[in-house]
Amino acid sequence: MAYKKQKRKKTLYKLLKLGFLSVILLTVTGIVVYSIVFGIKTNAESITQNTVLLQLEEHLVLPENEPVSLRRVSNAKELAIQDSFYKDIKNGDYIIVFENLSLIYDFDKSLIKNIKTK
């Protein structure tokens, strides 16, 4: 009789262990599938225009009006060929254009690379 109880206990323990491992596996699988299907934004993608401007204001006084354009560079080599203003640009930098001011800003290093006034 004691042998049967001990065997049931071991079986129950194995089932609980298997159930726990299954829950963990399903959770991890769910996270991976979710990140693939819906895409998890990278740090660079989650940076907003306002975040870039706030960090840039630590270096210089910006015009009061909104920028005409603010974009993240993904084609640095092409830009560098077009104009000497872009000579030090790299992918991931930001080009910020106001009515009378253009600048290249490296957000990661918090560095203004170039400024041009019109």
C-alpha atoms as a PDB file:
ATOM      1  CA  MET A   1       0.000   0.000   0.000  1.00  0.00           C
ATOM      2  CA  ALA A   2       2.824   2.446   0.902  1.00  0.00           C
ATOM      3  CA  TYR A   3       4.510   1.587  -2.381  1.00  0.00           C
ATOM      4  CA  LYS A   4       1.413   2.703  -4.366  1.00  0.00           C
ATOM      5  CA  LYS A   5       1.225   6.011  -2.468  1.00  0.00           C
ATOM      6  CA  GLN A   6       4.894   6.688  -3.086  1.00  0.00           C
ATOM      7  CA  LYS A   7       4.478   5.854  -6.781  1.00  0.00           C
ATOM      8  CA  ARG A   8       1.449   8.202  -7.040  1.00  0.00           C
ATOM      9  CA  LYS A   9       3.420  10.952  -5.330  1.00  0.00           C
ATOM     10  CA  LYS A  10       6.276  10.580  -7.823  1.00  0.00           C
ATOM     11  CA  THR A  11       3.829  10.552 -10.729  1.00  0.00           C
ATOM     12  CA  LEU A  12       2.054  13.644  -9.417  1.00  0.00           C
ATOM     13  CA  TYR A  13       5.401  15.405  -8.922  1.00  0.00           C
ATOM     14  CA  LYS A  14       6.443  14.560 -12.499  1.00  0.00           C
ATOM     15  CA  LEU A  15       3.114  15.843 -13.858  1.00  0.00           C
ATOM     16  CA  LEU A  16       3.417  19.111 -11.933  1.00  0.00           C
ATOM     17  CA  LYS A  17       6.977  19.551 -13.109  1.00  0.00           C
ATOM     18  CA  LEU A  18       5.960  18.846 -16.705  1.00  0.00           C
ATOM     19  CA  GLY A  19       3.035  21.278 -16.407  1.00  0.00           C
ATOM     20  CA  PHE A  20       5.254  24.022 -15.021  1.00  0.00           C
ATOM     21  CA  LEU A  21       7.837  23.550 -17.789  1.00  0.00           C
ATOM     22  CA  SER A  22       5.038  23.581 -20.387  1.00  0.00           C
ATOM     23  CA  VAL A  23       3.724  26.906 -19.069  1.00  0.00           C
ATOM     24  CA  ILE A  24       7.213  28.432 -19.230  1.00  0.00           C
ATOM     25  CA  LEU A  25       7.766  27.110 -22.755  1.00  0.00           C
ATOM     26  CA  LEU A  26       4.400  28.451 -23.945  1.00  0.00           C
ATOM     27  CA  THR A  27       5.109  31.848 -22.406  1.00  0.00           C
ATOM     28  CA  VAL A  28       8.501  32.156 -24.079  1.00  0.00           C
ATOM     29  CA  THR A  29       7.050  30.973 -27.397  1.00  0.00           C
ATOM     30  CA  GLY A  30       4.247  33.515 -27.100  1.00  0.00           C
ATOM     31  CA  ILE A  31       6.685  36.355 -26.496  1.00  0.00           C
ATOM     32  CA  VAL A  32       8.823  35.349 -29.480  1.00  0.00           C
ATOM     33  CA  VAL A  33       5.806  35.019 -31.790  1.00  0.00           C
ATOM     34  CA  TYR A  34       4.394  38.351 -30.595  1.00  0.00           C
ATOM     35  CA  SER A  35       7.685  40.146 -31.209  1.00  0.00           C
ATOM     36  CA  ILE A  36       7.951  38.661 -34.713  1.00  0.00           C
ATOM     37  CA  VAL A  37       4.347  39.315 -35.733  1.00  0.00           C
ATOM     38  CA  PHE A  38       3.865  42.747 -34.189  1.00  0.00           C
ATOM     39  CA  GLY A  39       7.492  43.819 -34.138  1.00  0.00           C
ATOM     40  CA  ILE A  40       9.118  45.274 -31.097  1.00  0.00           C
ATOM     41  CA  LYS A  41      10.388  48.790 -31.731  1.00  0.00           C
ATOM     42  CA  THR A  42      14.070  49.275 -31.325  1.00  0.00           C
ATOM     43  CA  ASN A  43      15.394  52.055 -29.195  1.00  0.00           C
ATOM     44  CA  ALA A  44      16.085  54.223 -32.222  1.00  0.00           C
ATOM     45  CA  GLU A  45      12.563  53.776 -33.560  1.00  0.00           C
ATOM     46  CA  SER A  46      10.993  54.771 -30.284  1.00  0.00           C
ATOM     47  CA  ILE A  47      12.773  58.134 -30.120  1.00  0.00           C
ATOM     48  CA  THR A  48      10.239  60.863 -30.791  1.00  0.00           C
ATOM     49  CA  GLN A  49      10.766  64.189 -32.522  1.00  0.00           C
ATOM     50  CA  ASN A  50      10.201  65.927 -29.204  1.00  0.00           C
ATOM     51  CA  THR A  51      12.912  63.816 -27.527  1.00  0.00           C
ATOM     52  CA  VAL A  52      15.436  64.766 -30.209  1.00  0.00           C
ATOM     53  CA  LEU A  53      14.581  68.470 -29.947  1.00  0.00           C
ATOM     54  CA  LEU A  54      14.749  68.476 -26.139  1.00  0.00           C
ATOM     55  CA  GLN A  55      18.209  66.914 -26.161  1.00  0.00           C
ATOM     56  CA  LEU A  56      19.340  69.270 -28.915  1.00  0.00           C
ATOM     57  CA  GLU A  57      18.189  72.296 -26.886  1.00  0.00           C
ATOM     58  CA  GLU A  58      20.839  71.417 -24.311  1.00  0.00           C
ATOM     59  CA  HIS A  59      23.442  72.526 -26.882  1.00  0.00           C
ATOM     60  CA  LEU A  60      21.901  75.585 -28.520  1.00  0.00           C
ATOM     61  CA  VAL A  61      18.855  77.811 -28.563  1.00  0.00           C
ATOM     62  CA  LEU A  62      16.532  76.564 -31.279  1.00  0.00           C
ATOM     63  CA  PRO A  63      14.168  78.731 -33.311  1.00  0.00           C
ATOM     64  CA  GLU A  64      10.754  79.073 -31.692  1.00  0.00           C
ATOM     65  CA  ASN A  65       8.860  77.702 -34.684  1.00  0.00           C
ATOM     66  CA  GLU A  66       8.513  73.971 -35.296  1.00  0.00           C
ATOM     67  CA  PRO A  67      11.074  72.334 -37.586  1.00  0.00           C
ATOM     68  CA  VAL A  68      10.082  72.112 -41.229  1.00  0.00           C
ATOM     69  CA  SER A  69      11.618  68.646 -41.339  1.00  0.00           C
ATOM     70  CA  LEU A  70      13.159  66.217 -38.869  1.00  0.00           C
ATOM     71  CA  ARG A  71      14.241  62.849 -40.175  1.00  0.00           C
ATOM     72  CA  ARG A  72      16.532  60.037 -39.232  1.00  0.00           C
ATOM     73  CA  VAL A  73      19.234  59.256 -41.802  1.00  0.00           C
ATOM     74  CA  SER A  74      19.240  55.846 -43.433  1.00  0.00           C
ATOM     75  CA  ASN A  75      21.186  56.692 -46.614  1.00  0.00           C
ATOM     76  CA  ALA A  76      24.314  58.454 -45.334  1.00  0.00           C
ATOM     77  CA  LYS A  77      26.586  57.501 -48.245  1.00  0.00           C
ATOM     78  CA  GLU A  78      24.190  58.956 -50.813  1.00  0.00           C
ATOM     79  CA  LEU A  79      23.843  62.198 -48.870  1.00  0.00           C
ATOM     80  CA  ALA A  80      27.615  62.575 -48.409  1.00  0.00           C
ATOM     81  CA  ILE A  81      28.054  62.421 -52.186  1.00  0.00           C
ATOM     82  CA  GLN A  82      25.370  65.069 -52.806  1.00  0.00           C
ATOM     83  CA  ASP A  83      26.685  67.938 -50.659  1.00  0.00           C
ATOM     84  CA  SER A  84      29.677  68.741 -48.441  1.00  0.00           C
ATOM     85  CA  PHE A  85      27.233  69.678 -45.662  1.00  0.00           C
ATOM     86  CA  TYR A  86      26.663  65.923 -45.199  1.00  0.00           C
ATOM     87  CA  LYS A  87      30.344  64.901 -45.228  1.00  0.00           C
ATOM     88  CA  ASP A  88      30.406  63.585 -41.615  1.00  0.00           C
ATOM     89  CA  ILE A  89      26.904  62.141 -41.559  1.00  0.00           C
ATOM     90  CA  LYS A  90      26.230  58.527 -40.630  1.00  0.00           C
ATOM     91  CA  ASN A  91      23.150  56.335 -40.574  1.00  0.00           C
ATOM     92  CA  GLY A  92      21.149  57.037 -37.438  1.00  0.00           C
ATOM     93  CA  ASP A  93      21.952  60.757 -37.311  1.00  0.00           C
ATOM     94  CA  TYR A  94      19.131  63.277 -37.540  1.00  0.00           C
ATOM     95  CA  ILE A  95      18.731  66.050 -40.088  1.00  0.00           C
ATOM     96  CA  ILE A  96      16.718  68.890 -38.602  1.00  0.00           C
ATOM     97  CA  VAL A  97      15.600  71.711 -40.856  1.00  0.00           C
ATOM     98  CA  PHE A  98      14.066  74.990 -39.663  1.00  0.00           C
ATOM     99  CA  GLU A  99      13.166  77.923 -41.926  1.00  0.00           C
ATOM    100  CA  ASN A 100      16.625  79.533 -41.639  1.00  0.00           C
ATOM    101  CA  LEU A 101      18.693  76.764 -40.076  1.00  0.00           C
ATOM    102  CA  SER A 102      19.696  73.204 -40.942  1.00  0.00           C
ATOM    103  CA  LEU A 103      21.723  70.896 -38.768  1.00  0.00           C
ATOM    104  CA  ILE A 104      22.954  67.352 -38.449  1.00  0.00           C
ATOM    105  CA  TYR A 105      22.675  65.854 -35.004  1.00  0.00           C
ATOM    106  CA  ASP A 106      24.044  62.601 -33.591  1.00  0.00           C
ATOM    107  CA  PHE A 107      21.475  61.719 -30.934  1.00  0.00           C
ATOM    108  CA  ASP A 108      23.441  58.778 -29.504  1.00  0.00           C
ATOM    109  CA  LYS A 109      26.544  60.888 -28.828  1.00  0.00           C
ATOM    110  CA  SER A 110      24.559  64.089 -28.170  1.00  0.00           C
ATOM    111  CA  LEU A 111      26.729  65.851 -30.741  1.00  0.00           C
ATOM    112  CA  ILE A 112      25.943  68.520 -33.337  1.00  0.00           C
ATOM    113  CA  LYS A 113      27.928  67.521 -36.423  1.00  0.00           C
ATOM    114  CA  ASN A 114      27.178  70.409 -38.753  1.00  0.00           C
ATOM    115  CA  ILE A 115      25.121  73.603 -38.915  1.00  0.00           C
ATOM    116  CA  LYS A 116      24.123  75.640 -41.961  1.00  0.00           C
ATOM    117  CA  THR A 117      22.167  78.899 -41.979  1.00  0.00           C
ATOM    118  CA  LYS A 118      20.229  80.143 -44.962  1.00  0.00           C
END
